[in-house]
PDB file of N, CA and C in Angstrom:
ATOM      1  N   MET A   1       1.152  -1.195   0.028  1.00  0.00           N
ATOM      2  CA  MET A   1      -0.127   0.081   0.223  1.00  0.00           C
ATOM      3  C   MET A   1       0.899   1.016   0.008  1.00  0.00           C
ATOM      4  N   VAL A   2       0.553   1.974  -0.540  1.00  0.00           N
ATOM      5  CA  VAL A   2       1.327   3.657  -0.803  1.00  0.00           C
ATOM      6  C   VAL A   2       0.242   4.962  -0.571  1.00  0.00           C
ATOM      7  N   CYS A   3       0.483   5.278   1.015  1.00  0.00           N
ATOM      8  CA  CYS A   3      -0.419   6.263   1.225  1.00  0.00           C
ATOM      9  C   CYS A   3       0.426   7.133   2.560  1.00  0.00           C
ATOM     10  N   ASP A   4       0.050   8.193   2.787  1.00  0.00           N
ATOM     11  CA  ASP A   4       0.651   9.463   3.109  1.00  0.00           C
ATOM     12  C   ASP A   4       1.467   8.913   4.503  1.00  0.00           C
ATOM     13  N   ALA A   5       3.054   9.306   4.640  1.00  0.00           N
ATOM     14  CA  ALA A   5       4.060   8.525   5.764  1.00  0.00           C
ATOM     15  C   ALA A   5       3.574   8.695   7.618  1.00  0.00           C
ATOM     16  N   ALA A   6       2.397   9.612   7.091  1.00  0.00           N
ATOM     17  CA  ALA A   6       1.870   9.758   8.880  1.00  0.00           C
ATOM     18  C   ALA A   6       1.053   8.609   9.385  1.00  0.00           C
ATOM     19  N   PHE A   7       0.628   7.570   8.279  1.00  0.00           N
ATOM     20  CA  PHE A   7       0.045   6.895   8.674  1.00  0.00           C
ATOM     21  C   PHE A   7       0.583   5.500   9.439  1.00  0.00           C
ATOM     22  N   GLY A   8       2.182   5.473   8.729  1.00  0.00           N
ATOM     23  CA  GLY A   8       3.039   4.783   9.718  1.00  0.00           C
ATOM     24  C   GLY A   8       3.167   5.241  11.116  1.00  0.00           C
ATOM     25  N   GLU A   9       2.799   6.392  11.441  1.00  0.00           N
ATOM     26  CA  GLU A   9       3.356   6.815  12.610  1.00  0.00           C
ATOM     27  C   GLU A   9       1.880   6.728  13.549  1.00  0.00           C
ATOM     28  N   SER A  10       0.597   6.157  13.158  1.00  0.00           N
ATOM     29  CA  SER A  10      -0.607   6.597  13.726  1.00  0.00           C
ATOM     30  C   SER A  10      -0.598   5.145  14.739  1.00  0.00           C
ATOM     31  N   ASP A  11      -1.227   4.989  15.463  1.00  0.00           N
ATOM     32  CA  ASP A  11      -1.640   3.809  15.968  1.00  0.00           C
ATOM     33  C   ASP A  11      -3.199   2.862  15.122  1.00  0.00           C
ATOM     34  N   ASP A  12      -3.552   2.989  14.156  1.00  0.00           N
ATOM     35  CA  ASP A  12      -4.510   2.605  13.585  1.00  0.00           C
ATOM     36  C   ASP A  12      -4.424   1.432  12.575  1.00  0.00           C
ATOM     37  N   TRP A  13      -4.665   0.334  12.684  1.00  0.00           N
ATOM     38  CA  TRP A  13      -4.692  -0.499  11.504  1.00  0.00           C
ATOM     39  C   TRP A  13      -5.136  -1.009  10.611  1.00  0.00           C
ATOM     40  N   LEU A  14      -6.027   0.067   9.770  1.00  0.00           N
ATOM     41  CA  LEU A  14      -6.538   0.317   8.920  1.00  0.00           C
ATOM     42  C   LEU A  14      -6.752   1.503   8.536  1.00  0.00           C
ATOM     43  N   ALA A  15      -6.307   1.621   6.829  1.00  0.00           N
ATOM     44  CA  ALA A  15      -6.228   3.297   6.337  1.00  0.00           C
ATOM     45  C   ALA A  15      -7.125   3.509   6.078  1.00  0.00           C
ATOM     46  N   ASP A  16      -7.396   4.889   6.047  1.00  0.00           N
ATOM     47  CA  ASP A  16      -8.999   5.640   5.412  1.00  0.00           C
ATOM     48  C   ASP A  16      -8.188   5.438   3.666  1.00  0.00           C
ATOM     49  N   PRO A  17      -9.125   4.673   3.056  1.00  0.00           N
ATOM     50  CA  PRO A  17      -8.835   4.591   1.493  1.00  0.00           C
ATOM     51  C   PRO A  17      -8.890   5.849   0.930  1.00  0.00           C
ATOM     52  N   ALA A  18      -9.143   6.943   1.165  1.00  0.00           N
ATOM     53  CA  ALA A  18      -9.004   8.317   0.830  1.00  0.00           C
ATOM     54  C   ALA A  18      -7.951   8.648   0.650  1.00  0.00           C
ATOM     55  N   ASP A  19      -7.349   8.023   1.499  1.00  0.00           N
ATOM     56  CA  ASP A  19      -5.455   8.590   2.228  1.00  0.00           C
ATOM     57  C   ASP A  19      -4.661   7.198   1.181  1.00  0.00           C
ATOM     58  N   VAL A  20      -5.110   6.390   0.409  1.00  0.00           N
ATOM     59  CA  VAL A  20      -4.394   5.288  -0.557  1.00  0.00           C
ATOM     60  C   VAL A  20      -4.448   6.104  -1.643  1.00  0.00           C
ATOM     61  N   GLU A  21      -3.050   5.932  -2.226  1.00  0.00           N
ATOM     62  CA  GLU A  21      -2.609   6.033  -3.507  1.00  0.00           C
ATOM     63  C   GLU A  21      -2.615   4.973  -4.162  1.00  0.00           C
ATOM     64  N   LEU A  22      -2.070   3.956  -3.893  1.00  0.00           N
ATOM     65  CA  LEU A  22      -1.987   2.465  -4.746  1.00  0.00           C
ATOM     66  C   LEU A  22      -1.940   1.261  -3.751  1.00  0.00           C
ATOM     67  N   VAL A  23      -2.936  -0.008  -4.245  1.00  0.00           N
ATOM     68  CA  VAL A  23      -2.806  -0.686  -3.738  1.00  0.00           C
ATOM     69  C   VAL A  23      -2.141  -1.961  -4.095  1.00  0.00           C
ATOM     70  N   VAL A  24      -0.785  -2.738  -3.767  1.00  0.00           N
ATOM     71  CA  VAL A  24      -0.658  -3.933  -4.509  1.00  0.00           C
ATOM     72  C   VAL A  24      -1.053  -5.229  -3.522  1.00  0.00           C
ATOM     73  N   GLU A  25      -1.238  -6.220  -4.723  1.00  0.00           N
ATOM     74  CA  GLU A  25      -1.746  -7.702  -3.812  1.00  0.00           C
ATOM     75  C   GLU A  25      -0.916  -8.678  -4.680  1.00  0.00           C
ATOM     76  N   VAL A  26      -0.477  -9.786  -4.013  1.00  0.00           N
ATOM     77  CA  VAL A  26       0.211 -11.190  -4.989  1.00  0.00           C
ATOM     78  C   VAL A  26      -1.016 -12.220  -5.009  1.00  0.00           C
ATOM     79  N   VAL A  27      -1.270 -12.627  -5.816  1.00  0.00           N
ATOM     80  CA  VAL A  27      -2.437 -13.475  -5.879  1.00  0.00           C
ATOM     81  C   VAL A  27      -1.869 -14.660  -5.701  1.00  0.00           C
ATOM     82  N   SER A  28      -2.410 -15.149  -4.317  1.00  0.00           N
ATOM     83  CA  SER A  28      -2.630 -16.044  -3.633  1.00  0.00           C
ATOM     84  C   SER A  28      -2.307 -17.976  -3.983  1.00  0.00           C
ATOM     85  N   LYS A  29      -1.901 -18.912  -3.996  1.00  0.00           N
ATOM     86  CA  LYS A  29      -2.069 -20.224  -5.020  1.00  0.00           C
ATOM     87  C   LYS A  29      -3.686 -20.595  -4.245  1.00  0.00           C
ATOM     88  N   GLY A  30      -3.893 -20.332  -2.944  1.00  0.00           N
ATOM     89  CA  GLY A  30      -5.085 -21.113  -2.558  1.00  0.00           C
ATOM     90  C   GLY A  30      -5.679 -20.485  -2.698  1.00  0.00           C
ATOM     91  N   ASN A  31      -6.168 -19.141  -2.898  1.00  0.00           N
ATOM     92  CA  ASN A  31      -7.808 -18.249  -2.858  1.00  0.00           C
ATOM     93  C   ASN A  31      -7.675 -17.356  -4.117  1.00  0.00           C
ATOM     94  N   SER A  32      -7.488 -17.569  -5.219  1.00  0.00           N
ATOM     95  CA  SER A  32      -7.139 -16.738  -6.313  1.00  0.00           C
ATOM     96  C   SER A  32      -8.291 -15.926  -6.678  1.00  0.00           C
ATOM     97  N   THR A  33      -9.830 -16.950  -6.709  1.00  0.00           N
ATOM     98  CA  THR A  33     -10.632 -16.171  -6.496  1.00  0.00           C
ATOM     99  C   THR A  33     -10.654 -14.539  -6.307  1.00  0.00           C
ATOM    100  N   LYS A  34     -10.569 -14.824  -4.993  1.00  0.00           N
ATOM    101  CA  LYS A  34     -11.101 -13.602  -3.737  1.00  0.00           C
ATOM    102  C   LYS A  34     -10.172 -12.500  -4.565  1.00  0.00           C
ATOM    103  N   ASP A  35      -8.889 -12.434  -4.369  1.00  0.00           N
ATOM    104  CA  ASP A  35      -7.691 -11.602  -5.131  1.00  0.00           C
ATOM    105  C   ASP A  35      -7.972 -11.371  -6.684  1.00  0.00           C
ATOM    106  N   THR A  36      -8.766 -12.415  -7.194  1.00  0.00           N
ATOM    107  CA  THR A  36      -8.476 -11.680  -8.901  1.00  0.00           C
ATOM    108  C   THR A  36     -10.166 -10.961  -9.355  1.00  0.00           C
ATOM    109  N   ARG A  37     -11.048 -11.698  -8.017  1.00  0.00           N
ATOM    110  CA  ARG A  37     -12.299 -10.866  -8.771  1.00  0.00           C
ATOM    111  C   ARG A  37     -12.940  -9.994  -7.548  1.00  0.00           C
ATOM    112  N   ASP A  38     -12.828 -10.512  -6.319  1.00  0.00           N
ATOM    113  CA  ASP A  38     -13.652  -9.908  -4.921  1.00  0.00           C
ATOM    114  C   ASP A  38     -12.882  -9.007  -4.681  1.00  0.00           C
ATOM    115  N   MET A  39     -11.573  -8.790  -4.524  1.00  0.00           N
ATOM    116  CA  MET A  39     -10.546  -7.488  -3.979  1.00  0.00           C
ATOM    117  C   MET A  39     -10.553  -6.331  -5.370  1.00  0.00           C
ATOM    118  N   VAL A  40     -10.343  -6.940  -6.341  1.00  0.00           N
ATOM    119  CA  VAL A  40     -10.674  -5.898  -7.212  1.00  0.00           C
ATOM    120  C   VAL A  40     -11.639  -4.780  -7.151  1.00  0.00           C
ATOM    121  N   THR A  41     -13.180  -5.574  -7.367  1.00  0.00           N
ATOM    122  CA  THR A  41     -14.069  -5.039  -6.971  1.00  0.00           C
ATOM    123  C   THR A  41     -14.547  -4.000  -5.063  1.00  0.00           C
ATOM    124  N   TRP A  42     -13.949  -4.752  -4.343  1.00  0.00           N
ATOM    125  CA  TRP A  42     -13.533  -3.771  -3.235  1.00  0.00           C
ATOM    126  C   TRP A  42     -13.295  -2.578  -3.296  1.00  0.00           C
ATOM    127  N   TYR A  43     -11.682  -2.729  -4.056  1.00  0.00           N
ATOM    128  CA  TYR A  43     -11.031  -1.611  -3.941  1.00  0.00           C
ATOM    129  C   TYR A  43     -11.583  -0.529  -5.419  1.00  0.00           C
ATOM    130  N   ALA A  44     -12.062  -1.119  -5.802  1.00  0.00           N
ATOM    131  CA  ALA A  44     -12.557  -0.353  -7.042  1.00  0.00           C
ATOM    132  C   ALA A  44     -13.924   0.280  -5.551  1.00  0.00           C
ATOM    133  N   ASP A  45     -14.540  -0.229  -5.377  1.00  0.00           N
ATOM    134  CA  ASP A  45     -15.404   0.442  -4.474  1.00  0.00           C
ATOM    135  C   ASP A  45     -15.531   1.564  -3.482  1.00  0.00           C
ATOM    136  N   ALA A  46     -14.013   1.092  -3.072  1.00  0.00           N
ATOM    137  CA  ALA A  46     -13.264   2.150  -2.191  1.00  0.00           C
ATOM    138  C   ALA A  46     -12.744   2.985  -2.480  1.00  0.00           C
ATOM    139  N   GLY A  47     -12.692   3.476  -4.049  1.00  0.00           N
ATOM    140  CA  GLY A  47     -12.199   4.750  -4.607  1.00  0.00           C
ATOM    141  C   GLY A  47     -10.741   4.089  -4.786  1.00  0.00           C
ATOM    142  N   ILE A  48     -10.116   3.159  -4.181  1.00  0.00           N
ATOM    143  CA  ILE A  48      -8.837   3.458  -4.525  1.00  0.00           C
ATOM    144  C   ILE A  48      -8.146   3.475  -5.951  1.00  0.00           C
ATOM    145  N   PRO A  49      -7.427   4.591  -6.030  1.00  0.00           N
ATOM    146  CA  PRO A  49      -7.036   5.391  -7.654  1.00  0.00           C
ATOM    147  C   PRO A  49      -6.208   4.048  -8.420  1.00  0.00           C
ATOM    148  N   ALA A  50      -5.418   3.297  -7.615  1.00  0.00           N
ATOM    149  CA  ALA A  50      -4.413   2.120  -8.659  1.00  0.00           C
ATOM    150  C   ALA A  50      -4.497   1.234  -7.905  1.00  0.00           C
ATOM    151  N   TYR A  51      -4.691  -0.222  -8.348  1.00  0.00           N
ATOM    152  CA  TYR A  51      -4.348  -1.634  -7.619  1.00  0.00           C
ATOM    153  C   TYR A  51      -3.931  -2.546  -9.001  1.00  0.00           C
ATOM    154  N   LEU A  52      -2.652  -2.849  -8.052  1.00  0.00           N
ATOM    155  CA  LEU A  52      -2.044  -3.510  -8.892  1.00  0.00           C
ATOM    156  C   LEU A  52      -1.664  -4.621  -8.419  1.00  0.00           C
ATOM    157  N   LEU A  53      -2.392  -5.748  -9.315  1.00  0.00           N
ATOM    158  CA  LEU A  53      -2.436  -7.413  -8.723  1.00  0.00           C
ATOM    159  C   LEU A  53      -1.504  -7.999  -9.614  1.00  0.00           C
ATOM    160  N   ILE A  54      -0.406  -8.594  -8.794  1.00  0.00           N
ATOM    161  CA  ILE A  54       0.626  -9.198  -9.330  1.00  0.00           C
ATOM    162  C   ILE A  54       0.365 -11.205  -9.122  1.00  0.00           C
ATOM    163  N   ASP A  55       0.537 -11.659 -10.538  1.00  0.00           N
ATOM    164  CA  ASP A  55      -0.050 -13.128 -10.630  1.00  0.00           C
ATOM    165  C   ASP A  55       0.781 -13.995 -10.457  1.00  0.00           C
ATOM    166  N   PRO A  56       1.512 -14.938  -9.642  1.00  0.00           N
ATOM    167  CA  PRO A  56       3.034 -15.850 -10.036  1.00  0.00           C
ATOM    168  C   PRO A  56       2.584 -16.792 -11.043  1.00  0.00           C
ATOM    169  N   ARG A  57       1.049 -16.619 -10.693  1.00  0.00           N
ATOM    170  CA  ARG A  57       0.668 -18.438 -11.464  1.00  0.00           C
ATOM    171  C   ARG A  57       1.079 -18.467 -12.900  1.00  0.00           C
ATOM    172  N   ASP A  58       0.974 -17.102 -13.384  1.00  0.00           N
ATOM    173  CA  ASP A  58       1.349 -17.283 -14.752  1.00  0.00           C
ATOM    174  C   ASP A  58       2.083 -16.337 -15.560  1.00  0.00           C
ATOM    175  N   GLY A  59       2.697 -15.422 -14.184  1.00  0.00           N
ATOM    176  CA  GLY A  59       3.919 -14.296 -14.528  1.00  0.00           C
ATOM    177  C   GLY A  59       3.590 -13.448 -15.225  1.00  0.00           C
ATOM    178  N   THR A  60       2.317 -12.723 -14.868  1.00  0.00           N
ATOM    179  CA  THR A  60       1.870 -11.470 -15.510  1.00  0.00           C
ATOM    180  C   THR A  60       1.732 -10.697 -14.233  1.00  0.00           C
ATOM    181  N   TRP A  61       1.309  -9.090 -14.652  1.00  0.00           N
ATOM    182  CA  TRP A  61       0.799  -8.454 -13.847  1.00  0.00           C
ATOM    183  C   TRP A  61      -0.370  -7.501 -14.485  1.00  0.00           C
ATOM    184  N   THR A  62      -1.408  -6.649 -13.611  1.00  0.00           N
ATOM    185  CA  THR A  62      -2.574  -6.520 -14.132  1.00  0.00           C
ATOM    186  C   THR A  62      -2.615  -4.707 -13.377  1.00  0.00           C
ATOM    187  N   LEU A  63      -2.520  -3.500 -13.763  1.00  0.00           N
ATOM    188  CA  LEU A  63      -2.593  -2.156 -13.139  1.00  0.00           C
ATOM    189  C   LEU A  63      -3.860  -1.622 -13.317  1.00  0.00           C
ATOM    190  N   ARG A  64      -4.599  -2.148 -12.280  1.00  0.00           N
ATOM    191  CA  ARG A  64      -6.206  -1.267 -12.656  1.00  0.00           C
ATOM    192  C   ARG A  64      -6.195   0.341 -11.954  1.00  0.00           C
ATOM    193  N   THR A  65      -6.725   1.593 -13.055  1.00  0.00           N
ATOM    194  CA  THR A  65      -7.192   2.450 -12.875  1.00  0.00           C
ATOM    195  C   THR A  65      -8.121   2.750 -12.762  1.00  0.00           C
ATOM    196  N   ALA A  66      -8.128   4.465 -12.065  1.00  0.00           N
ATOM    197  CA  ALA A  66      -9.853   5.383 -12.409  1.00  0.00           C
ATOM    198  C   ALA A  66     -10.774   4.494 -11.720  1.00  0.00           C
ATOM    199  N   PRO A  67     -10.860   3.972 -10.899  1.00  0.00           N
ATOM    200  CA  PRO A  67     -12.551   3.760 -10.054  1.00  0.00           C
ATOM    201  C   PRO A  67     -13.631   4.762 -10.210  1.00  0.00           C
ATOM    202  N   ARG A  68     -14.528   4.294 -10.808  1.00  0.00           N
ATOM    203  CA  ARG A  68     -15.912   4.723 -11.001  1.00  0.00           C
ATOM    204  C   ARG A  68     -17.607   4.090 -10.728  1.00  0.00           C
ATOM    205  N   ASP A  69     -17.968   4.246  -9.838  1.00  0.00           N
ATOM    206  CA  ASP A  69     -18.895   3.474  -9.638  1.00  0.00           C
ATOM    207  C   ASP A  69     -18.706   2.067  -9.431  1.00  0.00           C
ATOM    208  N   GLY A  70     -17.930   2.184  -8.724  1.00  0.00           N
ATOM    209  CA  GLY A  70     -17.626   0.478  -8.191  1.00  0.00           C
ATOM    210  C   GLY A  70     -16.514  -0.558  -9.601  1.00  0.00           C
ATOM    211  N   GLU A  71     -16.036   0.118 -10.152  1.00  0.00           N
ATOM    212  CA  GLU A  71     -15.118  -0.449 -11.839  1.00  0.00           C
ATOM    213  C   GLU A  71     -14.439   0.715 -11.491  1.00  0.00           C
ATOM    214  N   PHE A  72     -13.018  -0.305 -12.165  1.00  0.00           N
ATOM    215  CA  PHE A  72     -11.995   0.232 -12.842  1.00  0.00           C
ATOM    216  C   PHE A  72     -12.282   0.490 -14.249  1.00  0.00           C
ATOM    217  N   GLN A  73     -11.811   1.896 -14.530  1.00  0.00           N
ATOM    218  CA  GLN A  73     -12.135   2.419 -15.595  1.00  0.00           C
ATOM    219  C   GLN A  73     -11.199   1.758 -16.424  1.00  0.00           C
ATOM    220  N   GLY A  74      -9.946   2.310 -16.175  1.00  0.00           N
ATOM    221  CA  GLY A  74      -8.150   1.534 -16.855  1.00  0.00           C
ATOM    222  C   GLY A  74      -7.954   0.226 -16.220  1.00  0.00           C
ATOM    223  N   SER A  75      -7.458  -0.087 -17.115  1.00  0.00           N
ATOM    224  CA  SER A  75      -6.721  -1.724 -16.606  1.00  0.00           C
ATOM    225  C   SER A  75      -5.263  -1.801 -17.974  1.00  0.00           C
ATOM    226  N   LEU A  76      -4.182  -2.088 -17.238  1.00  0.00           N
ATOM    227  CA  LEU A  76      -2.852  -2.455 -17.994  1.00  0.00           C
ATOM    228  C   LEU A  76      -2.591  -3.717 -18.017  1.00  0.00           C
ATOM    229  N   CYS A  77      -2.254  -4.788 -18.487  1.00  0.00           N
ATOM    230  CA  CYS A  77      -1.394  -5.679 -18.265  1.00  0.00           C
ATOM    231  C   CYS A  77       0.024  -6.111 -18.966  1.00  0.00           C
ATOM    232  N   GLY A  78       0.504  -6.141 -18.086  1.00  0.00           N
ATOM    233  CA  GLY A  78       2.362  -7.099 -18.620  1.00  0.00           C
ATOM    234  C   GLY A  78       2.076  -8.064 -18.012  1.00  0.00           C
ATOM    235  N   ARG A  79       3.401  -8.429 -18.539  1.00  0.00           N
ATOM    236  CA  ARG A  79       4.199 -10.128 -17.971  1.00  0.00           C
ATOM    237  C   ARG A  79       5.786  -9.647 -16.601  1.00  0.00           C
ATOM    238  N   PHE A  80       5.689 -10.463 -16.810  1.00  0.00           N
ATOM    239  CA  PHE A  80       7.141 -10.387 -15.734  1.00  0.00           C
ATOM    240  C   PHE A  80       7.684 -10.313 -16.289  1.00  0.00           C
ATOM    241  N   GLY A  81       8.884  -9.185 -16.240  1.00  0.00           N
ATOM    242  CA  GLY A  81      10.260  -8.572 -16.955  1.00  0.00           C
ATOM    243  C   GLY A  81       9.482  -7.159 -17.575  1.00  0.00           C
ATOM    244  N   GLU A  82       8.010  -7.028 -17.610  1.00  0.00           N
ATOM    245  CA  GLU A  82       8.107  -5.665 -18.117  1.00  0.00           C
ATOM    246  C   GLU A  82       7.877  -4.942 -16.788  1.00  0.00           C
ATOM    247  N   SER A  83       8.459  -3.429 -16.980  1.00  0.00           N
ATOM    248  CA  SER A  83       8.176  -2.574 -15.603  1.00  0.00           C
ATOM    249  C   SER A  83       7.041  -2.109 -15.899  1.00  0.00           C
ATOM    250  N   VAL A  84       6.176  -1.816 -14.567  1.00  0.00           N
ATOM    251  CA  VAL A  84       4.731  -1.216 -14.151  1.00  0.00           C
ATOM    252  C   VAL A  84       4.914   0.127 -14.354  1.00  0.00           C
ATOM    253  N   GLU A  85       4.341   0.825 -15.422  1.00  0.00           N
ATOM    254  CA  GLU A  85       4.549   2.286 -15.320  1.00  0.00           C
ATOM    255  C   GLU A  85       3.895   2.873 -13.986  1.00  0.00           C
ATOM    256  N   LEU A  86       3.467   4.098 -13.334  1.00  0.00           N
ATOM    257  CA  LEU A  86       2.604   4.468 -12.264  1.00  0.00           C
ATOM    258  C   LEU A  86       3.128   6.172 -12.717  1.00  0.00           C
ATOM    259  N   THR A  87       2.266   6.183 -13.808  1.00  0.00           N
ATOM    260  CA  THR A  87       2.255   8.056 -14.099  1.00  0.00           C
ATOM    261  C   THR A  87       1.625   8.663 -12.868  1.00  0.00           C
ATOM    262  N   ALA A  88       0.705   8.387 -12.495  1.00  0.00           N
ATOM    263  CA  ALA A  88       0.124   9.303 -10.967  1.00  0.00           C
ATOM    264  C   ALA A  88       1.336   9.344 -10.457  1.00  0.00           C
ATOM    265  N   LEU A  89       1.503   8.383  -9.773  1.00  0.00           N
ATOM    266  CA  LEU A  89       2.748   8.682  -8.912  1.00  0.00           C
ATOM    267  C   LEU A  89       4.135   8.989  -9.150  1.00  0.00           C
ATOM    268  N   GLY A  90       4.786   9.213 -10.582  1.00  0.00           N
ATOM    269  CA  GLY A  90       5.827   9.646 -11.190  1.00  0.00           C
ATOM    270  C   GLY A  90       6.847   8.591 -10.858  1.00  0.00           C
ATOM    271  N   THR A  91       6.193   7.321 -11.049  1.00  0.00           N
ATOM    272  CA  THR A  91       7.491   6.002 -11.082  1.00  0.00           C
ATOM    273  C   THR A  91       7.131   5.236 -11.655  1.00  0.00           C
ATOM    274  N   LYS A  92       8.238   3.966 -11.883  1.00  0.00           N
ATOM    275  CA  LYS A  92       7.705   2.860 -12.048  1.00  0.00           C
ATOM    276  C   LYS A  92       8.500   1.726 -11.200  1.00  0.00           C
ATOM    277  N   ILE A  93       7.566   0.248 -11.366  1.00  0.00           N
ATOM    278  CA  ILE A  93       7.932  -0.557 -10.627  1.00  0.00           C
ATOM    279  C   ILE A  93       8.898  -1.814 -11.565  1.00  0.00           C
ATOM    280  N   ALA A  94      10.123  -1.992 -11.632  1.00  0.00           N
ATOM    281  CA  ALA A  94      10.373  -3.109 -12.311  1.00  0.00           C
ATOM    282  C   ALA A  94      10.280  -4.455 -12.113  1.00  0.00           C
ATOM    283  N   ALA A  95       9.486  -4.947 -12.758  1.00  0.00           N
ATOM    284  CA  ALA A  95       8.762  -6.341 -12.750  1.00  0.00           C
ATOM    285  C   ALA A  95       9.813  -7.383 -12.901  1.00  0.00           C
ATOM    286  N   ASP A  96      11.378  -7.324 -13.406  1.00  0.00           N
ATOM    287  CA  ASP A  96      12.128  -7.966 -13.477  1.00  0.00           C
ATOM    288  C   ASP A  96      12.474  -9.213 -12.541  1.00  0.00           C
ATOM    289  N   GLY A  97      12.137  -8.735 -11.335  1.00  0.00           N
ATOM    290  CA  GLY A  97      12.401  -9.318  -9.990  1.00  0.00           C
ATOM    291  C   GLY A  97      11.186 -10.566  -9.852  1.00  0.00           C
ATOM    292  N   PHE A  98      10.157 -10.128 -10.227  1.00  0.00           N
ATOM    293  CA  PHE A  98       8.823 -10.979 -10.039  1.00  0.00           C
ATOM    294  C   PHE A  98       9.441 -12.573 -10.048  1.00  0.00           C
ATOM    295  N   VAL A  99       8.768 -13.412  -9.340  1.00  0.00           N
ATOM    296  CA  VAL A  99       9.041 -14.804  -9.253  1.00  0.00           C
ATOM    297  C   VAL A  99       7.936 -15.603  -9.529  1.00  0.00           C
ATOM    298  N   ARG A 100       7.543 -16.507 -10.441  1.00  0.00           N
ATOM    299  CA  ARG A 100       6.045 -17.385 -10.969  1.00  0.00           C
ATOM    300  C   ARG A 100       6.149 -18.431  -9.510  1.00  0.00           C
ATOM    301  N   TYR A 101       4.995 -18.917  -9.714  1.00  0.00           N
ATOM    302  CA  TYR A 101       5.037 -20.346  -8.274  1.00  0.00           C
ATOM    303  C   TYR A 101       5.606 -20.775  -9.006  1.00  0.00           C
ATOM    304  N   ALA A 102       6.109 -22.060  -8.175  1.00  0.00           N
ATOM    305  CA  ALA A 102       6.729 -23.644  -8.812  1.00  0.00           C
ATOM    306  C   ALA A 102       5.699 -24.478  -9.409  1.00  0.00           C
TER     307      ALA A 102
END
């Protein structure tokens, strides 16, 4: 999660979604439906501006952006090894170190 640095100094264990800029999640081996469907909807409903889903099952990533009415309007897909451009944050994530499940 990327949010204001002050969150790390607080006693809260949940961040206010309005304060979150990016959520990064890795698809789990045992609960992929929750990660690839349920959480996408939850983050869109919460208004999270960018949601990066990393899928070690097939070596792909998906960046979802621009939430509106419970759905992300933007979607960019790539493979491990291709950098993830986070234009809104002015940075990119190198995905060449991402590892697939055995």
